[in-house]
Protein backbone atom coordinates (compact mmCIF):
# COMPACT_ATOMS: atom_id res chain seq x y z
CA MET A 1 -17.04 0.91 30.04
CA GLU A 2 -18.84 -1.76 28.01
CA PHE A 3 -16.62 -0.96 25.02
CA VAL A 4 -13.49 -1.30 27.18
CA ILE A 5 -14.62 -4.73 28.42
CA LYS A 6 -15.47 -5.96 24.93
CA ILE A 7 -12.25 -4.68 23.33
CA SER A 8 -10.19 -6.14 26.18
CA GLN A 9 -11.71 -9.59 25.65
CA PHE A 10 -11.34 -9.27 21.88
CA LEU A 11 -7.65 -8.32 22.00
CA LEU A 12 -6.80 -10.88 24.69
CA SER A 13 -8.45 -13.69 22.75
CA LEU A 14 -6.91 -12.60 19.46
CA SER A 15 -3.44 -12.27 20.99
CA LEU A 16 -3.65 -15.69 22.64
CA LEU A 17 -4.71 -17.37 19.40
CA ILE A 18 -2.08 -15.64 17.29
CA VAL A 19 0.83 -16.33 19.65
CA LEU A 20 -0.08 -20.00 20.05
CA HIS A 21 -0.67 -20.43 16.31
CA GLU A 22 2.75 -18.98 15.49
CA LEU A 23 4.33 -21.08 18.25
CA GLY A 24 2.93 -24.06 16.37
CA HIS A 25 5.19 -23.10 13.46
CA TYR A 26 8.09 -21.89 15.60
CA ILE A 27 8.60 -24.98 17.78
CA PRO A 28 8.92 -27.60 14.99
CA ALA A 29 11.03 -25.16 12.96
CA LYS A 30 13.50 -24.86 15.84
CA ALA A 31 13.29 -28.63 16.47
CA PHE A 32 14.38 -29.24 12.87
CA LYS A 33 17.18 -26.63 13.24
CA THR A 34 15.48 -24.16 10.89
CA ARG A 35 16.30 -20.52 11.51
CA VAL A 36 13.37 -18.31 12.58
CA GLU A 37 14.21 -14.69 11.83
CA LYS A 38 11.13 -12.98 13.32
CA PHE A 39 8.31 -13.87 15.71
CA TYR A 40 5.63 -11.16 15.83
CA LEU A 41 2.32 -10.57 17.50
CA PHE A 42 0.44 -8.23 15.13
CA PHE A 43 2.01 -6.75 12.02
CA ASP A 44 4.97 -4.36 12.17
CA VAL A 45 4.26 -2.28 9.06
CA LYS A 46 7.01 0.39 9.04
CA PHE A 47 7.61 0.15 12.80
CA SER A 48 7.16 -1.98 15.92
CA LEU A 49 5.73 -1.17 19.33
CA PHE A 50 8.33 -3.49 20.83
CA LYS A 51 11.14 -5.70 19.52
CA LYS A 52 14.10 -7.54 20.95
CA LYS A 53 16.57 -9.87 19.27
CA ILE A 54 17.44 -13.07 21.12
CA GLY A 55 19.80 -15.35 19.24
CA ASP A 56 18.81 -15.43 15.57
CA THR A 57 15.22 -14.36 16.22
CA VAL A 58 13.69 -10.89 16.62
CA TYR A 59 10.67 -11.06 18.91
CA GLY A 60 8.24 -8.16 18.69
CA ILE A 61 4.78 -6.63 18.83
CA GLY A 62 3.49 -4.73 15.81
CA TRP A 63 1.00 -1.90 15.82
CA LEU A 64 -1.51 -3.38 13.34
CA PRO A 65 -3.70 -5.97 15.15
CA LEU A 66 -4.72 -7.96 12.08
CA GLY A 67 -2.77 -11.12 12.89
CA GLY A 68 0.83 -12.12 13.46
CA TYR A 69 3.60 -14.12 11.82
CA VAL A 70 6.89 -15.97 12.05
CA LYS A 71 9.48 -15.35 9.33
CA ILE A 72 11.33 -18.58 8.63
CA SER A 73 14.59 -18.43 6.67
CA GLY A 74 14.40 -19.77 3.12
CA MET A 75 10.61 -19.83 2.95
CA ILE A 76 8.51 -17.98 0.39
CA ASP A 77 5.95 -16.18 2.50
CA GLU A 78 4.18 -12.83 2.81
CA SER A 79 7.55 -11.06 3.28
CA MET A 80 8.37 -11.86 -0.39
CA ASP A 81 12.09 -11.85 0.43
CA THR A 82 13.24 -12.62 -3.12
CA GLU A 83 16.77 -11.43 -2.37
CA GLN A 84 17.30 -14.23 0.14
CA MET A 85 15.69 -16.78 -2.17
CA ALA A 86 18.11 -15.82 -4.98
CA LYS A 87 21.09 -16.99 -2.89
CA PRO A 88 22.19 -20.65 -2.70
CA PRO A 89 20.19 -22.69 -0.13
CA GLN A 90 21.72 -22.89 3.33
CA PRO A 91 21.47 -25.86 5.71
CA TRP A 92 19.42 -23.84 8.23
CA GLU A 93 16.83 -22.74 5.68
CA PHE A 94 13.30 -24.05 5.30
CA ARG A 95 13.83 -24.94 1.63
CA SER A 96 16.78 -27.18 2.53
CA LYS A 97 14.74 -29.38 4.84
CA PRO A 98 13.07 -32.66 3.78
CA ALA A 99 9.48 -32.31 2.60
CA TRP A 100 8.09 -34.18 5.63
CA GLN A 101 9.78 -31.73 8.01
CA ARG A 102 8.46 -28.74 6.05
CA LEU A 103 4.98 -30.29 6.14
CA ILE A 104 5.12 -30.63 9.94
CA ILE A 105 6.30 -27.02 10.28
CA MET A 106 3.42 -25.77 8.11
CA LEU A 107 0.77 -27.87 9.87
CA GLY A 108 2.04 -26.84 13.32
CA GLY A 109 -0.09 -23.69 13.57
CA VAL A 110 -3.46 -25.26 12.77
CA THR A 111 -2.60 -28.28 14.90
CA VAL A 112 -2.06 -26.04 17.92
CA ASN A 113 -5.35 -24.25 17.21
CA PHE A 114 -7.27 -27.51 17.08
CA VAL A 115 -5.58 -28.83 20.23
CA LEU A 116 -6.22 -25.54 22.04
CA ALA A 117 -9.94 -25.65 21.19
CA LEU A 118 -10.20 -29.26 22.36
CA ILE A 119 -8.45 -28.46 25.66
CA ILE A 120 -10.70 -25.44 26.26
CA TYR A 121 -13.87 -27.46 25.61
CA ILE A 122 -12.71 -30.21 27.97
CA PHE A 123 -11.77 -27.98 30.88
CA ALA A 124 -14.66 -25.55 30.35
CA SER A 125 -17.02 -28.53 30.59
CA PHE A 126 -15.35 -29.55 33.85
CA ALA A 127 -15.23 -26.01 35.32
CA TYR A 128 -18.62 -24.67 34.22
CA GLY A 129 -20.70 -27.65 33.17
CA ASP A 130 -23.61 -26.99 30.81
CA GLN A 131 -26.72 -24.88 31.27
CA ASP A 132 -29.60 -25.02 28.86
CA ILE A 133 -33.35 -24.43 28.60
CA SER A 134 -35.75 -27.31 28.08
CA VAL A 135 -37.82 -26.42 25.02
CA ALA A 136 -40.74 -28.55 26.22
CA SER A 137 -40.95 -26.40 29.36
CA ILE A 138 -41.24 -23.05 27.56
CA LYS A 139 -44.56 -21.37 28.36
CA GLY A 140 -46.19 -19.32 25.63
CA GLY A 141 -43.88 -20.38 22.81
CA TYR A 142 -41.46 -18.01 21.10
CA LEU A 143 -41.62 -14.31 20.30
CA ILE A 144 -41.48 -13.73 16.53
CA SER A 145 -40.79 -10.12 15.57
CA ASN A 146 -38.62 -10.43 12.47
CA PRO A 147 -40.72 -9.54 9.35
CA LEU A 148 -38.84 -12.23 7.39
CA LEU A 149 -40.03 -14.95 9.76
CA LEU A 150 -43.55 -13.51 9.89
CA ASP A 151 -43.73 -13.56 6.07
CA LEU A 152 -42.65 -17.21 6.09
CA GLY A 153 -45.62 -18.03 8.32
CA PHE A 154 -44.19 -18.06 11.86
CA LYS A 155 -46.26 -16.46 14.63
CA THR A 156 -45.59 -15.43 18.20
CA GLY A 157 -46.57 -18.34 20.42
CA ASP A 158 -45.19 -21.04 18.12
CA ASN A 159 -43.23 -23.83 19.76
CA ILE A 160 -40.24 -25.32 17.92
CA ILE A 161 -40.39 -29.09 17.53
CA ALA A 162 -37.56 -29.75 15.07
CA VAL A 163 -34.99 -27.81 13.07
CA GLY A 164 -34.39 -29.62 9.81
CA LYS A 165 -34.25 -33.31 10.67
CA THR A 166 -33.01 -32.68 14.21
CA GLU A 167 -35.53 -32.96 17.03
CA VAL A 168 -35.26 -30.00 19.39
CA VAL A 169 -34.81 -30.88 23.04
CA ASN A 170 -32.93 -27.85 24.36
CA GLU A 171 -32.57 -24.23 23.29
CA SER A 172 -29.01 -24.88 22.08
CA ASP A 173 -30.36 -27.40 19.52
CA ILE A 174 -32.05 -24.54 17.66
CA ARG A 175 -28.91 -22.39 17.49
CA ALA A 176 -26.72 -25.36 16.53
CA ASN A 177 -28.85 -26.39 13.53
CA ILE A 178 -30.64 -23.28 12.24
CA LEU A 179 -27.88 -22.20 9.84
CA THR A 180 -27.99 -25.37 7.75
CA ALA A 181 -31.69 -26.18 8.12
CA GLU A 182 -34.06 -26.33 5.16
CA SER A 183 -37.22 -26.44 7.26
CA ILE A 184 -38.53 -25.92 10.80
CA THR A 185 -41.32 -27.94 12.40
CA ILE A 186 -43.52 -26.03 14.83
CA SER A 187 -46.46 -26.73 17.12
CA ARG A 188 -49.29 -24.19 17.02
CA ASP A 189 -52.57 -24.63 18.91
CA GLY A 190 -51.75 -28.30 19.38
CA GLN A 191 -51.17 -28.92 15.67
CA GLN A 192 -47.79 -29.58 14.07
CA GLN A 193 -46.76 -28.04 10.78
CA THR A 194 -43.54 -27.71 8.83
CA ILE A 195 -42.42 -24.37 7.41
CA ASN A 196 -39.90 -24.60 4.59
CA LEU A 197 -37.11 -22.05 4.54
CA PRO A 198 -36.09 -20.45 1.21
CA GLU A 199 -32.70 -21.43 -0.20
CA ASP A 200 -31.40 -17.89 0.35
CA PHE A 201 -32.80 -17.66 3.90
CA LEU A 202 -29.38 -16.81 5.37
CA GLY A 203 -28.83 -14.13 2.74
CA GLN A 204 -32.19 -12.53 3.46
CA LEU A 205 -31.56 -12.71 7.19
CA SER A 206 -28.10 -11.14 6.85
CA THR A 207 -29.43 -8.12 4.96
CA SER A 208 -32.51 -7.68 7.15
CA LYS A 209 -32.60 -4.77 9.58
CA ASP A 210 -34.06 -7.15 12.15
CA ARG A 211 -31.83 -10.24 12.40
CA SER A 212 -33.58 -11.73 15.43
CA LEU A 213 -34.82 -15.29 15.18
CA PHE A 214 -36.69 -17.10 17.94
CA ASP A 215 -36.66 -15.10 21.17
CA LEU A 216 -37.90 -16.34 24.50
CA ARG A 217 -41.03 -14.55 25.72
CA MET A 218 -40.39 -12.94 29.08
CA PRO A 219 -42.45 -11.23 31.81
CA PHE A 220 -42.53 -7.45 32.22
CA ILE A 221 -40.07 -6.86 35.04
CA VAL A 222 -39.00 -3.30 35.77
CA GLY A 223 -35.33 -2.83 34.97
CA HIS A 224 -34.97 0.94 34.69
CA VAL A 225 -37.38 3.87 34.54
CA ILE A 226 -36.10 6.45 32.06
CA ASP A 227 -35.69 9.57 34.18
CA THR A 228 -36.64 12.03 31.44
CA LEU A 229 -40.15 10.66 31.01
CA ALA A 230 -43.44 11.03 32.87
CA ASN A 231 -43.07 8.01 35.16
CA LYS A 232 -39.66 8.95 36.60
CA SER A 233 -41.30 9.78 39.96
CA ALA A 234 -43.73 6.85 39.98
CA ASP A 235 -43.62 4.35 42.84
CA LEU A 236 -41.65 1.75 40.88
CA LYS A 237 -38.58 -0.22 41.90
CA LYS A 238 -36.18 -2.37 39.98
CA GLY A 239 -37.49 -5.94 40.03
CA ASP A 240 -41.19 -5.04 40.22
CA LEU A 241 -43.28 -7.49 38.19
CA ILE A 242 -46.05 -5.82 36.17
CA LYS A 243 -49.08 -8.13 36.12
CA SER A 244 -51.79 -5.98 34.50
CA ILE A 245 -52.34 -2.57 32.88
CA ASN A 246 -55.75 -0.91 32.99
CA GLY A 247 -57.30 -4.29 33.86
CA ALA A 248 -55.66 -6.12 30.94
CA SER A 249 -53.50 -9.05 32.05
CA VAL A 250 -49.78 -8.85 31.17
CA THR A 251 -48.26 -12.31 31.00
CA TYR A 252 -45.52 -11.44 28.52
CA PHE A 253 -43.68 -8.20 27.84
CA ASP A 254 -44.51 -8.37 24.11
CA GLN A 255 -48.22 -7.92 24.96
CA VAL A 256 -47.67 -4.44 26.39
CA LYS A 257 -47.43 -2.57 23.07
CA ASP A 258 -50.93 -3.59 21.95
CA ILE A 259 -52.40 -2.87 25.38
CA LEU A 260 -50.95 0.67 25.51
CA GLN A 261 -51.78 1.82 21.97
CA PRO A 262 -55.42 2.80 22.72
CA LEU A 263 -54.36 4.36 26.05
CA LYS A 264 -52.08 7.14 24.72
CA GLY A 265 -51.97 10.16 27.02
CA GLN A 266 -53.95 8.46 29.78
CA VAL A 267 -53.13 7.61 33.37
CA VAL A 268 -53.68 3.89 33.91
CA ALA A 269 -53.95 1.72 37.01
CA THR A 270 -51.13 -0.81 36.90
CA GLU A 271 -50.92 -3.91 39.07
CA ILE A 272 -47.41 -4.80 40.20
CA VAL A 273 -45.99 -7.51 42.44
CA ARG A 274 -43.21 -6.49 44.82
CA ASP A 275 -41.70 -8.88 47.36
CA GLY A 276 -44.61 -11.24 46.85
CA GLU A 277 -47.29 -8.62 47.50
CA SER A 278 -49.64 -7.14 44.90
CA MET A 279 -50.24 -3.36 44.70
CA LEU A 280 -51.68 -0.76 42.31
CA VAL A 281 -49.63 2.10 40.85
CA ASP A 282 -50.86 4.87 38.56
CA LEU A 283 -48.66 5.25 35.47
CA GLN A 284 -48.73 7.80 32.67
CA VAL A 285 -48.90 6.53 29.09
CA ASP A 286 -47.11 9.00 26.80
CA ALA A 287 -48.24 10.23 23.39
CA ASN A 288 -46.37 7.38 21.69
CA GLY A 289 -48.12 4.71 23.75
CA MET A 290 -45.15 4.01 25.99
CA LEU A 291 -44.44 3.94 29.72
CA GLY A 292 -40.73 4.77 29.51
CA ILE A 293 -39.78 1.61 31.39
CA GLN A 294 -36.89 -0.57 30.25
CA PRO A 295 -37.51 -4.26 31.07
CA GLY A 296 -35.11 -6.16 33.29
CA GLY A 297 -34.71 -9.49 35.00
CA SER A 298 -32.41 -12.44 34.41
CA ILE A 299 -32.80 -15.88 32.93
CA ASN A 300 -32.79 -17.33 36.45
CA THR A 301 -35.57 -14.96 37.51
CA PHE A 302 -37.70 -15.92 34.51
CA SER A 303 -37.18 -19.59 35.35
CA GLU A 304 -38.17 -19.03 38.98
CA LEU A 305 -41.39 -17.40 37.76
CA GLY A 306 -42.17 -20.55 35.80
CA TYR A 307 -41.64 -19.32 32.25
CA PHE A 308 -39.29 -22.22 31.44
CA ASP A 309 -37.06 -24.78 33.14
CA ILE A 310 -33.29 -24.45 33.22
CA THR A 311 -31.36 -27.70 32.97
CA ARG A 312 -27.90 -27.88 34.49
CA LYS A 313 -25.27 -30.58 34.08
CA GLU A 314 -21.98 -30.93 35.88
CA TYR A 315 -19.22 -33.27 34.77
CA SER A 316 -16.39 -35.05 36.48
CA LEU A 317 -12.92 -34.57 34.98
CA GLY A 318 -13.17 -37.97 33.30
CA GLU A 319 -16.61 -37.19 31.82
CA SER A 320 -15.36 -33.82 30.60
CA PHE A 321 -13.00 -35.47 28.12
CA GLY A 322 -15.87 -37.15 26.30
CA VAL A 323 -18.18 -34.12 26.51
CA GLY A 324 -15.42 -31.74 25.41
CA TYR A 325 -14.48 -33.97 22.47
CA ASP A 326 -18.09 -34.10 21.30
CA LYS A 327 -18.35 -30.31 21.45
CA PHE A 328 -15.05 -29.98 19.59
CA THR A 329 -15.96 -32.32 16.72
CA GLY A 330 -19.48 -30.92 16.55
CA GLN A 331 -18.19 -27.37 16.18
CA ILE A 332 -15.75 -28.38 13.44
CA THR A 333 -18.52 -30.14 11.51
CA SER A 334 -20.82 -27.15 11.94
CA TYR A 335 -18.21 -24.66 10.77
CA TRP A 336 -17.30 -26.70 7.69
CA GLY A 337 -21.00 -26.78 6.87
CA GLN A 338 -21.21 -23.00 7.23
CA LEU A 339 -18.24 -22.55 4.89
CA GLY A 340 -19.97 -24.74 2.33
CA LEU A 341 -23.01 -22.45 2.47
CA ILE A 342 -20.83 -19.34 2.15
CA PHE A 343 -19.21 -20.67 -1.02
CA SER A 344 -22.62 -21.52 -2.51
CA PRO A 345 -23.86 -18.23 -4.03
CA SER A 346 -27.48 -19.41 -4.24
CA THR A 347 -27.77 -19.49 -0.42
CA GLY A 348 -26.78 -15.83 -0.07
CA ALA A 349 -24.83 -16.83 3.05
CA TYR A 350 -21.85 -14.82 1.85
CA LYS A 351 -23.82 -11.68 2.72
CA GLY A 352 -23.48 -12.62 6.39
CA VAL A 353 -19.68 -12.92 6.32
CA GLY A 354 -18.20 -10.53 8.86
CA GLY A 355 -14.78 -9.17 9.69
CA PHE A 356 -13.19 -7.88 12.86
CA LYS A 357 -16.29 -5.97 13.99
CA ALA A 358 -18.39 -9.12 13.71
CA ILE A 359 -15.87 -10.98 15.90
CA PHE A 360 -15.76 -8.05 18.33
CA ASP A 361 -19.57 -8.07 18.60
CA ILE A 362 -19.80 -11.68 19.78
CA PHE A 363 -17.98 -10.87 23.04
CA PRO A 364 -20.31 -9.92 25.92
CA ALA A 365 -20.42 -6.42 27.39
CA THR A 366 -19.77 -7.81 30.87
CA TRP A 367 -16.66 -9.82 31.68
CA SER A 368 -17.33 -13.54 31.77
CA TRP A 369 -14.49 -16.05 31.77
CA GLU A 370 -16.94 -18.78 30.78
CA ALA A 371 -18.07 -16.84 27.70
CA PHE A 372 -14.48 -15.76 26.94
CA TRP A 373 -13.14 -19.31 26.83
CA LYS A 374 -16.05 -20.66 24.80
CA ILE A 375 -15.72 -17.88 22.24
CA THR A 376 -11.94 -18.34 22.13
CA ALA A 377 -12.39 -22.08 21.48
CA PHE A 378 -14.75 -21.32 18.59
CA LEU A 379 -12.38 -18.70 17.15
CA SER A 380 -9.48 -21.15 17.44
CA ILE A 381 -11.39 -23.66 15.32
CA MET A 382 -12.35 -20.93 12.88
CA LEU A 383 -8.72 -19.82 12.56
CA ALA A 384 -7.55 -23.39 12.01
CA VAL A 385 -10.18 -24.23 9.40
CA LEU A 386 -9.66 -20.99 7.46
CA ASN A 387 -5.88 -21.51 7.49
CA LEU A 388 -6.38 -24.95 5.95
CA LEU A 389 -8.09 -23.51 2.87
CA PRO A 390 -5.88 -24.29 -0.17
CA ILE A 391 -5.08 -20.64 -0.85
CA PRO A 392 -1.43 -19.66 -1.36
CA ALA A 393 -0.38 -17.30 1.47
CA LEU A 394 -2.34 -19.46 3.94
CA ASP A 395 -0.95 -22.57 5.62
CA GLY A 396 -3.26 -24.68 3.48
CA GLY A 397 -1.67 -23.32 0.31
CA HIS A 398 1.81 -24.29 1.47
CA VAL A 399 0.53 -27.73 2.51
CA MET A 400 -1.08 -28.20 -0.92
CA PHE A 401 2.25 -27.61 -2.72
CA LEU A 402 4.14 -29.79 -0.23
CA LEU A 403 1.74 -32.68 -0.74
CA TYR A 404 2.15 -32.29 -4.50
CA GLU A 405 5.93 -32.47 -4.03
CA MET A 406 5.73 -35.54 -1.79
CA ILE A 407 3.38 -37.38 -4.16
CA SER A 408 4.97 -36.42 -7.48
CA GLY A 409 8.58 -36.21 -6.33
CA ARG A 410 8.87 -32.85 -8.09
CA LYS A 411 9.30 -29.61 -6.14
CA PRO A 412 7.52 -26.54 -7.57
CA GLY A 413 10.00 -23.89 -8.72
CA ASP A 414 10.74 -20.88 -6.54
CA LYS A 415 9.43 -18.49 -9.20
CA PHE A 416 6.17 -20.39 -9.40
CA LEU A 417 5.85 -20.30 -5.62
CA GLU A 418 6.58 -16.55 -5.59
CA TYR A 419 3.84 -15.88 -8.13
CA ALA A 420 1.43 -18.21 -6.33
CA GLN A 421 2.19 -16.40 -3.06
CA MET A 422 1.39 -13.06 -4.70
CA VAL A 423 -1.89 -14.36 -6.12
CA GLY A 424 -2.81 -15.87 -2.77
CA PHE A 425 -1.96 -12.66 -0.98
CA PHE A 426 -4.28 -10.66 -3.23
CA ILE A 427 -7.05 -13.23 -2.77
CA LEU A 428 -6.57 -12.99 0.99
CA ILE A 429 -6.66 -9.18 0.94
CA ALA A 430 -9.83 -9.30 -1.19
CA LEU A 431 -11.50 -11.65 1.33
CA VAL A 432 -10.49 -9.43 4.26
CA LEU A 433 -11.81 -6.34 2.47
CA PHE A 434 -15.03 -8.14 1.58
CA ALA A 435 -15.64 -9.36 5.15
CA ASN A 436 -14.92 -6.00 6.75
CA GLY A 437 -16.80 -4.22 3.97
CA ASN A 438 -19.84 -6.29 4.95
CA ASP A 439 -19.43 -5.01 8.51
CA ILE A 440 -19.34 -1.43 7.31
CA PHE A 441 -22.33 -1.90 5.01
CA LYS A 442 -24.43 -3.39 7.81
CA ALA A 443 -23.40 -0.62 10.20
CA ILE A 444 -24.49 2.07 7.73
CA PHE A 445 -27.60 0.56 6.17
CA ASN A 446 -28.92 -1.82 8.82
């Protein structure tokens, strides 16, 4: 069921972004009386799942969900329709239109993606507000389990003071700045210290089997007792809070492993709190030093128990415009920065590039419209920025040649554009194969 929910969100988001992006090309093309021959969601290699011709345009759905396209008459694109391009230009063709009209048509897709992201951020801010965790309120610091972070000098219990030059106020500040940070300032036992990150930190993190960073420490709340193990018949209920094991206090779930290791095979008295009342339960520790209990609880429960404070902000419609705009511009700046790291081999960030599986994985396993819209806004920005790269076969490649034409007054020849389109297409295929190959490599070896 979780897979169905994730794939449904993935396909819905992808379809929405593709259709609106292509509409961004379609609408100005029609406005400038340019013929649009095909409008497709997904690619129709060999056959279509659905197609219908209305006027001059065939509307359809392909079977290969790797994108979509509009085929505009008289335009050198991925269709490589050289037969049409060999004929004399017609008034309704793209190549017959003034350069400024062609530029608007080509920029239409990314413009729609940017506008869509901005609209989502504005109305998501109004509908959902913002929820965050005050870093100053976090009890017990962070859980550090990744060997990479441990080797750099981080320890469980550290508090994060700053990421790079940005002072950390809320949890989101860590996530927003960690990818481009060169150092992290922590507080340990009341003393501050700065830990420098290696230049290839992102590369090392991407190839690590454990890619966790700074996790919140949480209490040991019973979520599920595995029914094949010794404690399946123990007097435990979902939501029970485990306070001590064999007399040793359990404040955080990460303490349990060390407590249980010397107790393998023993029955231990365990203090739990249920409905505000404390009681003792005998539990069996198995030969591996485990109780067979999966932890549970929610972020709200942890906050109610005093582990950290949740901050909530609600915005009026007027306030949402400013808040949404700040989120929009901040995300664009962040993504451009990430691209810069990816194209700098010394950072190793290219090892973290992912394809369709990586996008699929960011959707939650439970349906959440709030998460769906926020992820869709991010993907819309990502799609727009990537399409602006000056690679022939992408919108940015066409824009690059159009700007050259407008500045120099000389239009690149059709043959040159055909060859450039072919080169760009192979570059694009190589990037897609690389990104999805990274997904496969991580799935097999990590």
